[in-house]
Amino acid sequence: MSSAIHKQLDFDAREAFLQLAAAADSFEQYANPHATRVAAIAGALARGFHMARQDRSSLQTAALLHDLGEVAMERDYIHRQGSLIDEEVIDLARHPVIGEKEAARAGADRPAQLLVRWHHEWWNGSGYPDALRREEIPLAARILRIADSYAALTDARPYRPALTVEMANYVIVERAGIEFDPAVVIAFLSLPPMIELQTSAKRDDSALWNELGALQ
């Protein structure tokens, strides 16, 4: 197969992934594009860790497709303000496994599928679906965890406002060693300025601090 055909196939696949990402963002009701922000932040972190080109490509594909499981489940409680009840928490924990299958259906490579499965694993082992801990979690999945969390915190949803950059970074630091790999947190806080790190927060700090308290 010629190089030109390979490039066209790669382009067509990425266009399809971008369309799926946009549909997922719409379902999740983010105020701004979310998946592409996650992909950009994750890509910057991956370059800082000198990940191989193919590994970076799989990571960015996973970033675009990481919410497909929630879209496939199509649960109303995802958009509801307030805490989930126990049954909903258990139900929602299925979405990375469903997302893994949806990523496969979309044509993502196997590493990307697994990153979708593991993007809610926590450094201390209390994540899901496989309760992986520390280095059991692939570096790319640890990167995706922090990129997804930061992008979500700094964008508005129907049930909460966006946090400022300072407040989002505070949350990230507070969860280092618990949810996030401390080494990835250090790398994240050292990223150079980029548009994807900006926030859509428009409210005053006092109101946002109240919202931050609700996230703890």
Protein backbone atom coordinates (compact mmCIF):
# COMPACT_ATOMS: atom_id res chain seq x y z
CA MET A 1 0.00 0.00 0.00
CA SER A 2 1.40 3.39 -0.97
CA SER A 3 2.34 6.11 1.51
CA ALA A 4 -0.36 8.38 0.06
CA ILE A 5 -3.06 5.78 0.73
CA HIS A 6 -1.79 5.28 4.29
CA LYS A 7 -1.96 9.04 4.88
CA GLN A 8 -5.49 9.22 3.50
CA LEU A 9 -6.62 6.35 5.73
CA ASP A 10 -5.06 8.06 8.76
CA PHE A 11 -6.80 11.32 7.82
CA ASP A 12 -10.17 9.62 7.34
CA ALA A 13 -9.85 7.80 10.69
CA ARG A 14 -8.99 11.00 12.53
CA GLU A 15 -11.92 12.82 10.94
CA ALA A 16 -14.22 10.02 12.09
CA PHE A 17 -12.75 10.20 15.62
CA LEU A 18 -13.23 13.98 15.69
CA GLN A 19 -16.89 13.58 14.72
CA LEU A 20 -17.40 11.03 17.50
CA ALA A 21 -15.63 13.35 19.93
CA ALA A 22 -17.91 16.24 18.99
CA ALA A 23 -20.98 14.05 19.48
CA ALA A 24 -19.71 12.96 22.90
CA ASP A 25 -19.04 16.59 23.92
CA SER A 26 -22.59 17.47 22.91
CA PHE A 27 -24.02 14.59 24.96
CA GLU A 28 -21.90 15.56 27.97
CA GLN A 29 -23.09 19.16 27.57
CA TYR A 30 -19.70 20.81 27.82
CA ALA A 31 -19.80 24.53 27.08
CA ASN A 32 -16.76 24.21 24.81
CA PRO A 33 -15.00 21.40 22.91
CA HIS A 34 -13.72 18.96 25.54
CA ALA A 35 -12.19 15.93 23.87
CA THR A 36 -9.88 17.94 21.61
CA ARG A 37 -8.66 19.90 24.67
CA VAL A 38 -7.93 16.63 26.45
CA ALA A 39 -6.06 15.35 23.39
CA ALA A 40 -3.93 18.50 23.17
CA ILE A 41 -3.04 18.51 26.88
CA ALA A 42 -2.32 14.78 26.86
CA GLY A 43 -0.18 15.17 23.75
CA ALA A 44 1.90 17.92 25.38
CA LEU A 45 2.46 15.77 28.45
CA ALA A 46 3.34 12.73 26.35
CA ARG A 47 6.00 14.71 24.48
CA GLY A 48 7.43 15.83 27.82
CA PHE A 49 7.78 12.19 28.83
CA HIS A 50 9.40 11.41 25.45
CA MET A 51 6.76 8.83 24.55
CA ALA A 52 7.15 7.16 21.16
CA ARG A 53 5.20 8.62 18.26
CA GLN A 54 2.84 5.63 17.94
CA ASP A 55 2.15 5.68 21.69
CA ARG A 56 1.32 9.39 21.47
CA SER A 57 -1.02 8.68 18.56
CA SER A 58 -2.86 5.98 20.54
CA LEU A 59 -3.12 8.33 23.51
CA GLN A 60 -4.62 11.13 21.46
CA THR A 61 -7.08 8.72 19.84
CA ALA A 62 -8.12 7.57 23.31
CA ALA A 63 -8.50 11.19 24.40
CA LEU A 64 -10.91 11.84 21.54
CA LEU A 65 -12.95 8.71 22.28
CA HIS A 66 -12.79 8.47 26.09
CA ASP A 67 -16.43 9.49 26.68
CA LEU A 68 -18.00 7.08 24.18
CA GLY A 69 -19.03 4.71 26.96
CA GLU A 70 -21.21 7.34 28.63
CA VAL A 71 -22.76 8.21 25.28
CA ALA A 72 -23.57 4.56 24.63
CA MET A 73 -25.13 4.19 28.10
CA GLU A 74 -27.22 7.35 27.58
CA ARG A 75 -28.14 7.83 31.26
CA ASP A 76 -30.13 10.89 32.35
CA TYR A 77 -28.28 11.11 35.67
CA ILE A 78 -25.10 12.12 33.84
CA HIS A 79 -26.64 15.57 33.32
CA ARG A 80 -28.28 15.91 36.73
CA GLN A 81 -27.04 18.30 39.39
CA GLY A 82 -26.08 16.77 42.71
CA SER A 83 -24.55 13.52 43.89
CA LEU A 84 -25.33 10.17 42.34
CA ILE A 85 -27.05 7.49 44.39
CA ASP A 86 -25.15 4.25 45.04
CA GLU A 87 -26.86 2.37 42.22
CA GLU A 88 -25.97 5.11 39.75
CA VAL A 89 -22.33 5.14 40.88
CA ILE A 90 -22.11 1.40 40.28
CA ASP A 91 -23.83 1.76 36.92
CA LEU A 92 -21.60 4.62 35.78
CA ALA A 93 -18.46 2.64 36.66
CA ARG A 94 -19.31 0.41 33.70
CA HIS A 95 -18.71 3.16 31.17
CA PRO A 96 -14.95 2.68 30.61
CA VAL A 97 -15.51 -0.98 29.70
CA ILE A 98 -18.35 -0.03 27.39
CA GLY A 99 -16.14 2.75 26.01
CA GLU A 100 -13.40 0.23 25.27
CA LYS A 101 -15.85 -1.74 23.13
CA GLU A 102 -17.15 1.41 21.42
CA ALA A 103 -13.58 2.51 20.64
CA ALA A 104 -12.98 -0.88 19.04
CA ARG A 105 -16.12 -0.48 16.95
CA ALA A 106 -14.88 2.96 15.87
CA GLY A 107 -11.63 1.47 14.59
CA ALA A 108 -9.24 2.62 17.33
CA ASP A 109 -6.10 0.54 17.78
CA ARG A 110 -5.85 -1.84 20.74
CA PRO A 111 -3.62 0.45 22.87
CA ALA A 112 -6.16 3.25 22.48
CA GLN A 113 -9.00 0.90 23.43
CA LEU A 114 -7.18 -0.05 26.64
CA LEU A 115 -6.50 3.59 27.49
CA VAL A 116 -10.22 4.30 27.20
CA ARG A 117 -10.80 1.36 29.58
CA TRP A 118 -8.25 2.65 32.11
CA HIS A 119 -8.80 6.41 32.02
CA HIS A 120 -10.57 6.30 35.42
CA GLU A 121 -7.91 4.26 37.22
CA TRP A 122 -6.43 6.08 40.23
CA TRP A 123 -2.82 6.16 41.41
CA ASN A 124 -3.83 4.77 44.84
CA GLY A 125 -5.80 1.86 43.37
CA SER A 126 -9.29 3.12 44.15
CA GLY A 127 -10.26 3.79 40.54
CA TYR A 128 -12.19 1.59 38.14
CA PRO A 129 -12.86 -0.75 36.37
CA ASP A 130 -9.77 -2.84 37.26
CA ALA A 131 -8.48 -1.15 40.46
CA LEU A 132 -4.99 -0.81 38.99
CA ARG A 133 -2.53 1.12 41.12
CA ARG A 134 0.66 3.10 40.65
CA GLU A 135 2.85 1.77 37.78
CA GLU A 136 0.30 -0.96 37.00
CA ILE A 137 -1.51 1.87 35.24
CA PRO A 138 0.21 2.62 31.92
CA LEU A 139 1.82 6.05 31.80
CA ALA A 140 -0.47 7.08 28.94
CA ALA A 141 -3.54 6.27 31.05
CA ARG A 142 -2.12 8.30 33.97
CA ILE A 143 -1.61 11.20 31.57
CA LEU A 144 -5.13 10.85 30.19
CA ARG A 145 -6.57 10.85 33.74
CA ILE A 146 -5.08 14.25 34.58
CA ALA A 147 -5.76 15.81 31.16
CA ASP A 148 -9.41 14.76 31.28
CA SER A 149 -9.85 15.98 34.86
CA TYR A 150 -8.29 19.39 34.25
CA ALA A 151 -10.24 19.99 31.04
CA ALA A 152 -13.48 19.04 32.81
CA LEU A 153 -12.79 21.25 35.83
CA THR A 154 -12.08 24.32 33.70
CA ASP A 155 -15.16 24.06 31.49
CA ALA A 156 -18.77 24.83 32.40
CA ARG A 157 -21.44 22.17 32.61
CA PRO A 158 -25.21 22.70 33.07
CA TYR A 159 -24.91 21.75 36.75
CA ARG A 160 -21.76 23.70 37.70
CA PRO A 161 -19.53 26.55 36.49
CA ALA A 162 -15.96 26.25 35.29
CA LEU A 163 -13.18 26.69 37.83
CA THR A 164 -10.39 29.19 37.35
CA VAL A 165 -6.95 27.90 36.36
CA GLU A 166 -5.69 28.49 39.89
CA MET A 167 -8.54 26.54 41.47
CA ALA A 168 -8.28 23.68 39.01
CA ASN A 169 -4.55 23.43 39.68
CA TYR A 170 -5.33 23.41 43.41
CA VAL A 171 -7.61 20.40 42.91
CA ILE A 172 -4.95 18.63 40.83
CA VAL A 173 -2.29 19.18 43.51
CA GLU A 174 -4.66 18.10 46.30
CA ARG A 175 -5.29 14.81 44.50
CA ALA A 176 -1.62 14.07 43.71
CA GLY A 177 -0.69 10.70 45.15
CA ILE A 178 -4.37 9.80 45.44
CA GLU A 179 -5.97 10.11 42.02
CA PHE A 180 -2.99 11.34 40.03
CA ASP A 181 0.58 10.15 39.59
CA PRO A 182 2.70 12.79 41.40
CA ALA A 183 5.28 12.78 38.59
CA VAL A 184 2.56 13.52 36.03
CA VAL A 185 1.23 16.31 38.26
CA ILE A 186 4.68 17.92 38.34
CA ALA A 187 4.94 17.63 34.57
CA PHE A 188 1.44 19.05 34.13
CA LEU A 189 2.17 22.07 36.31
CA SER A 190 5.34 22.67 34.27
CA LEU A 191 3.60 22.77 30.88
CA PRO A 192 4.24 25.93 28.87
CA PRO A 193 1.26 28.21 28.18
CA MET A 194 -1.18 26.78 25.64
CA ILE A 195 -4.71 27.76 24.70
CA GLU A 196 -6.10 24.42 25.87
CA LEU A 197 -5.01 25.23 29.44
CA GLN A 198 -7.22 28.30 29.56
CA THR A 199 -10.51 28.28 31.44
CA SER A 200 -14.04 29.34 30.57
CA ALA A 201 -14.61 30.54 34.16
CA LYS A 202 -16.44 33.86 34.24
CA ARG A 203 -17.69 34.06 37.83
CA ASP A 204 -15.95 35.79 40.73
CA ASP A 205 -13.52 33.84 42.92
CA SER A 206 -15.73 33.79 46.03
CA ALA A 207 -18.56 32.07 44.18
CA LEU A 208 -16.15 29.63 42.54
CA TRP A 209 -14.57 28.71 45.86
CA ASN A 210 -18.02 27.61 47.02
CA GLU A 211 -18.28 25.41 43.96
CA LEU A 212 -14.79 24.04 44.63
CA GLY A 213 -15.92 23.00 48.12
CA ALA A 214 -18.73 20.98 46.55
CA LEU A 215 -16.18 19.04 44.49
CA GLN A 216 -14.19 17.82 47.51
